[in-house]
Protein backbone atom coordinates (compact mmCIF):
# COMPACT_ATOMS: atom_id res chain seq x y z
CA MET A 1 5.17 7.22 12.66
CA GLN A 2 5.53 11.10 14.19
CA ARG A 3 5.47 13.62 11.17
CA LEU A 4 8.08 15.57 12.22
CA GLU A 5 8.79 17.60 8.64
CA ALA A 6 7.08 14.75 6.58
CA ASP A 7 4.14 15.58 4.41
CA PHE A 8 2.61 12.09 3.61
CA SER A 9 4.22 8.81 4.25
CA VAL A 10 3.75 5.78 2.18
CA MET A 11 4.03 1.93 3.18
CA THR A 12 3.84 -1.08 1.27
CA LEU A 13 2.90 -5.04 2.57
CA ASN A 14 2.69 -8.31 0.59
CA LEU A 15 0.07 -9.12 3.22
CA ARG A 16 1.01 -13.11 2.20
CA PHE A 17 -1.81 -15.34 0.08
CA GLY A 18 -4.73 -15.58 3.12
CA LEU A 19 -5.10 -19.22 2.22
CA ALA A 20 -1.49 -20.31 2.79
CA ASP A 21 -1.17 -23.43 5.98
CA ASP A 22 0.18 -21.04 7.69
CA GLY A 23 0.34 -22.89 11.15
CA PRO A 24 0.61 -20.47 14.25
CA ASN A 25 0.71 -17.84 11.63
CA ARG A 26 -2.12 -18.60 9.67
CA TRP A 27 -4.87 -15.52 8.71
CA GLU A 28 -7.01 -15.74 11.13
CA ILE A 29 -4.28 -15.42 13.59
CA ARG A 30 -2.19 -12.98 12.22
CA LYS A 31 -4.89 -10.51 11.18
CA GLU A 32 -4.57 -9.07 14.41
CA ARG A 33 -1.83 -8.07 14.20
CA LEU A 34 -2.24 -6.16 11.24
CA LEU A 35 -4.87 -4.13 13.51
CA LEU A 36 -2.08 -3.69 16.23
CA LEU A 37 0.36 -2.80 13.28
CA PHE A 38 -1.53 0.38 11.66
CA GLU A 39 -2.68 1.51 15.24
CA ARG A 40 0.65 2.30 15.74
CA TYR A 41 2.08 2.85 12.05
CA ARG A 42 -1.09 5.18 9.84
CA PRO A 43 0.73 6.01 6.72
CA THR A 44 -1.20 8.00 4.43
CA PHE A 45 -1.13 5.60 1.17
CA ILE A 46 -0.41 1.83 1.67
CA GLY A 47 0.10 -0.86 -1.03
CA PHE A 48 -1.21 -3.74 -0.46
CA GLN A 49 0.13 -6.99 -2.52
CA GLU A 50 -1.36 -10.72 -2.97
CA ALA A 51 -4.70 -10.12 -0.68
CA ASN A 52 -8.23 -11.90 -1.06
CA THR A 53 -11.25 -10.68 -0.79
CA PHE A 54 -12.32 -12.10 2.73
CA GLN A 55 -8.35 -9.89 3.69
CA ILE A 56 -9.96 -6.66 1.86
CA ASP A 57 -12.66 -7.15 4.02
CA PHE A 58 -10.93 -7.34 7.20
CA LEU A 59 -8.51 -4.03 5.97
CA CYS A 60 -11.70 -1.88 5.37
CA GLY A 61 -12.62 -2.59 9.15
CA ILE A 62 -9.57 -1.64 10.57
CA LEU A 63 -8.48 1.27 8.38
CA PRO A 64 -11.67 3.30 8.92
CA GLY A 65 -11.38 6.72 6.96
CA TYR A 66 -9.70 4.87 4.22
CA LYS A 67 -10.71 4.16 0.76
CA TYR A 68 -9.22 1.63 -1.56
CA ILE A 69 -8.72 1.04 -5.16
CA GLY A 70 -7.01 -2.31 -7.03
CA LYS A 71 -10.18 -4.96 -5.85
CA ARG A 72 -11.37 -7.05 -8.84
CA SER A 73 -14.95 -7.77 -8.08
CA PRO A 74 -16.47 -10.57 -8.51
CA ALA A 75 -13.20 -12.16 -8.15
CA PRO A 76 -12.27 -15.60 -8.75
CA PRO A 77 -12.05 -17.72 -5.35
CA PHE A 78 -8.22 -17.91 -5.04
CA TRP A 79 -7.63 -14.36 -6.61
CA GLN A 80 -5.23 -12.09 -5.65
CA ASN A 81 -5.08 -8.51 -5.62
CA ASN A 82 -2.83 -5.29 -5.50
CA LEU A 83 -4.72 -2.92 -3.83
CA LEU A 84 -4.17 0.74 -2.84
CA PHE A 85 -5.35 2.69 0.07
CA TYR A 86 -5.68 6.15 0.65
CA PRO A 87 -7.21 8.86 3.32
CA ASP A 88 -11.21 9.88 2.62
CA SER A 89 -9.03 13.83 2.89
CA TRP A 90 -7.11 12.51 -0.86
CA ARG A 91 -9.61 12.26 -3.83
CA CYS A 92 -8.80 9.65 -6.65
CA SER A 93 -9.77 11.40 -9.91
CA TRP A 94 -8.07 8.16 -11.78
CA ALA A 95 -7.58 4.72 -11.44
CA ASP A 96 -6.22 2.04 -13.45
CA HIS A 97 -5.44 -1.86 -12.81
CA PHE A 98 -3.49 -3.75 -15.28
CA PHE A 99 -1.99 -6.96 -16.08
CA LEU A 100 1.59 -7.46 -16.26
CA SER A 101 1.48 -9.41 -19.61
CA GLN A 102 1.09 -9.11 -23.07
CA THR A 103 -2.34 -8.27 -23.12
CA PRO A 104 -2.62 -5.69 -19.94
CA ASP A 105 -6.08 -5.36 -19.74
CA ILE A 106 -7.65 -8.57 -19.76
CA PRO A 107 -6.23 -11.36 -17.13
CA SER A 108 -3.24 -12.90 -18.08
CA ARG A 109 0.09 -13.78 -17.37
CA PHE A 110 2.95 -14.02 -19.59
CA PRO A 111 3.59 -17.42 -20.27
CA GLU A 112 7.02 -17.67 -17.98
CA SER A 113 4.94 -16.19 -14.74
CA ARG A 114 3.98 -18.40 -12.14
CA TRP A 115 1.02 -16.20 -11.81
CA PRO A 116 -1.03 -13.51 -13.34
CA ARG A 117 0.47 -10.49 -11.73
CA GLN A 118 -0.95 -7.16 -11.53
CA CYS A 119 0.18 -3.74 -10.87
CA THR A 120 -2.61 -1.12 -9.19
CA LEU A 121 -1.98 2.89 -10.17
CA GLY A 122 -4.17 6.04 -8.73
CA VAL A 123 -3.71 9.79 -9.46
CA PHE A 124 -4.68 11.41 -5.90
CA THR A 125 -5.36 15.17 -5.12
CA GLN A 126 -5.16 16.80 -2.23
CA LYS A 127 -5.68 20.65 -1.94
CA THR A 128 -2.44 22.18 -4.12
CA HIS A 129 -0.47 18.98 -4.75
CA SER A 130 -1.64 15.75 -6.45
CA LEU A 131 0.24 12.03 -6.54
CA VAL A 132 0.57 9.23 -8.74
CA CYS A 133 0.73 6.32 -6.97
CA LEU A 134 1.51 2.38 -7.75
CA SER A 135 0.78 -1.08 -5.90
CA THR A 136 2.35 -3.75 -8.05
CA HIS A 137 4.03 -7.44 -7.73
CA LEU A 138 6.62 -8.91 -10.07
CA ASP A 139 7.31 -12.21 -10.81
CA PHE A 140 10.35 -14.54 -9.89
CA ASP A 141 12.04 -15.01 -13.73
CA ALA A 142 14.34 -11.91 -14.08
CA THR A 143 13.37 -11.57 -17.39
CA VAL A 144 9.70 -10.95 -17.44
CA GLN A 145 10.46 -8.90 -14.55
CA THR A 146 11.95 -6.55 -17.19
CA LYS A 147 9.14 -6.97 -19.12
CA SER A 148 6.77 -6.46 -16.57
CA VAL A 149 8.69 -3.25 -15.36
CA ARG A 150 8.80 -1.81 -19.40
CA ILE A 151 4.35 -2.55 -19.08
CA ILE A 152 4.29 -0.34 -16.25
CA LEU A 153 6.72 2.80 -17.22
CA GLU A 154 3.87 2.77 -19.96
CA ARG A 155 1.70 2.35 -18.98
CA LEU A 156 2.72 5.34 -16.90
CA LYS A 157 2.15 7.06 -19.66
CA SER A 158 -1.43 7.31 -19.57
CA ALA A 159 -1.08 9.74 -16.28
CA PRO A 160 -0.29 13.26 -15.57
CA ILE A 161 3.45 13.60 -16.30
CA LEU A 162 4.38 16.10 -14.67
CA PHE A 163 2.80 14.62 -10.85
CA PRO A 164 5.16 13.27 -9.05
CA VAL A 165 5.54 8.90 -8.59
CA VAL A 166 5.90 6.51 -5.84
CA LEU A 167 6.15 3.08 -7.28
CA MET A 168 5.92 0.37 -4.43
CA GLY A 169 5.45 -3.47 -3.89
CA ASP A 170 7.11 -6.72 -4.11
CA PHE A 171 9.48 -6.74 -6.44
CA ASN A 172 10.80 -9.72 -5.76
CA ALA A 173 14.45 -8.91 -6.64
CA THR A 174 17.02 -7.02 -5.18
CA PRO A 175 18.37 -3.69 -6.22
CA ASP A 176 21.64 -5.33 -8.47
CA SER A 177 18.67 -6.89 -10.67
CA PRO A 178 18.15 -5.99 -14.27
CA CYS A 179 14.38 -4.92 -13.40
CA HIS A 180 15.61 -2.24 -10.80
CA ALA A 181 17.79 -1.24 -13.18
CA ALA A 182 15.34 -0.63 -15.69
CA LEU A 183 13.75 1.85 -13.42
CA THR A 184 16.49 3.66 -12.03
CA ASP A 185 19.44 3.55 -14.14
CA PRO A 186 19.87 6.78 -16.30
CA LYS A 187 20.85 4.31 -19.17
CA GLY A 188 18.24 1.78 -18.57
CA PRO A 189 15.13 1.68 -20.88
CA GLY A 190 12.96 4.31 -18.70
CA ASP A 191 10.10 6.00 -20.41
CA GLY A 192 12.26 8.53 -22.36
CA ARG A 193 10.64 11.66 -20.63
CA LEU A 194 10.99 11.56 -17.41
CA PRO A 195 14.40 10.92 -15.27
CA PRO A 196 14.72 7.67 -13.37
CA PHE A 197 13.00 6.61 -9.91
CA ILE A 198 15.40 6.67 -6.93
CA ASN A 199 14.92 3.92 -4.43
CA ALA A 200 13.88 5.54 -0.94
CA PHE A 201 16.40 2.88 0.94
CA LYS A 202 20.37 3.03 0.36
CA ALA A 203 22.78 0.66 0.20
CA PRO A 204 23.38 -1.53 2.19
CA TYR A 205 19.71 -3.05 1.45
CA PRO A 206 17.99 -4.07 4.46
CA PRO A 207 16.34 -7.05 3.84
CA THR A 208 12.41 -7.39 3.37
CA PHE A 209 11.79 -10.76 3.53
CA HIS A 210 11.65 -13.03 6.66
CA GLY A 211 9.25 -15.97 5.88
CA PHE A 212 7.84 -15.36 9.72
CA SER A 213 11.09 -15.80 11.85
CA GLY A 214 11.53 -11.82 12.11
CA LYS A 215 14.91 -12.37 10.76
CA GLY A 216 15.53 -10.83 7.17
CA LYS A 217 16.50 -13.07 4.10
CA LYS A 218 16.53 -13.05 0.82
CA GLY A 219 17.35 -9.56 0.16
CA HIS A 220 15.79 -6.24 -0.70
CA ILE A 221 13.29 -7.88 -2.47
CA ASP A 222 9.94 -5.05 -1.53
CA TRP A 223 10.59 -1.30 -2.78
CA ILE A 224 9.49 1.71 -2.70
CA LEU A 225 10.46 4.10 -5.82
CA TYR A 226 9.87 7.79 -5.94
CA ARG A 227 10.59 10.36 -8.86
CA GLY A 228 9.49 13.88 -9.48
CA GLY A 229 8.86 16.64 -6.71
CA LEU A 230 9.59 14.45 -3.37
CA ALA A 231 12.06 14.14 -0.86
CA PRO A 232 12.56 11.33 1.65
CA VAL A 233 12.26 12.05 5.29
CA ARG A 234 12.58 8.47 6.80
CA SER A 235 12.83 5.41 5.40
CA ARG A 236 12.23 2.51 7.61
CA VAL A 237 12.05 -1.33 7.44
CA ILE A 238 9.58 -2.40 9.90
CA THR A 239 10.19 -5.10 12.21
CA ASP A 240 8.36 -4.79 15.23
CA ALA A 241 6.43 -7.98 16.69
CA PHE A 242 2.49 -7.73 17.61
CA LYS A 243 1.60 -10.01 20.07
CA GLY A 244 4.86 -12.57 19.62
CA GLY A 245 4.36 -12.51 15.97
CA TYR A 246 4.11 -10.90 12.52
CA PRO A 247 1.43 -8.92 10.48
CA SER A 248 2.98 -11.11 7.42
CA ASP A 249 6.06 -12.91 5.34
CA HIS A 250 7.37 -9.86 4.61
CA PHE A 251 7.88 -6.32 6.42
CA PRO A 252 6.12 -3.40 6.09
CA LEU A 253 8.56 -0.77 4.31
CA LEU A 254 7.57 2.77 5.00
CA VAL A 255 8.89 5.82 3.85
CA ALA A 256 7.67 9.38 5.06
CA PHE A 257 7.77 12.32 2.04
CA SER A 258 8.18 16.20 1.78
CA TRP A 259 7.47 17.90 -1.38
CA LYS A 260 10.08 19.28 -2.56
CA LYS A 261 9.23 21.69 -4.48
CA LYS A 262 6.16 23.56 -5.10
CA PRO A 263 3.36 21.91 -7.50
CA LEU A 264 3.69 21.92 -11.16
CA GLN A 265 0.68 22.10 -13.44
CA ALA A 266 1.00 18.82 -15.26
CA GLU A 267 0.03 17.78 -19.08
CA SER A 268 -2.34 15.28 -18.39
CA ARG A 269 -3.39 12.53 -20.46
CA LEU A 270 -6.58 11.37 -18.95
């Protein structure tokens, strides 16, 4: 990605469970496609979802110069993590990892959730700018999705409230869903203090799930949302094939941002 007038970029990608029986798209084959993806695109921040420990280890090897937060160690054998990778030039001053459930600080899930869903939050600083970044993965049930969004909004109150925020991930819902409204509609629940989030993509929203076919389906279920002093410069769903296949059953989303105004002195609640 050419820099142009952008100050930084973010990518979100559901990595696809590495133990899945995906035949010609199994992890051992498609992991090399990830190497080619990141040789072509070098986002500043990368939010991964659905990552097994061995996938995280591989990502560390192909992303030299990056650090990450969100890994649970030791992790159960089938554990899936949501991760945030960031370059050495940024400092992570605070990190939080929590579950989207009634007990966010212990491994758990809502009774209606198929899987224990999680969110990783980091506060990052570089020179005169700071940013709050989150990577999350919501469950399939619409009611649980809205409950999960409210947990995320509540958890954000622990971060510096005036910093710009980027929230990305696999939401398993399209922009016409209640959970999207809860984040972006000024009349939605919100967090009561700051403006709602804005989707970095515009209608008609491009599909982001393709099931290794390269043809989008299921709508725009992966999002990159933002609020605060940010302006999206370019937004792209990456549909590139690598070595005749795709890195995941979801397309990566990439957004380049510029700082909209001078950094603010944030009220820290750390």
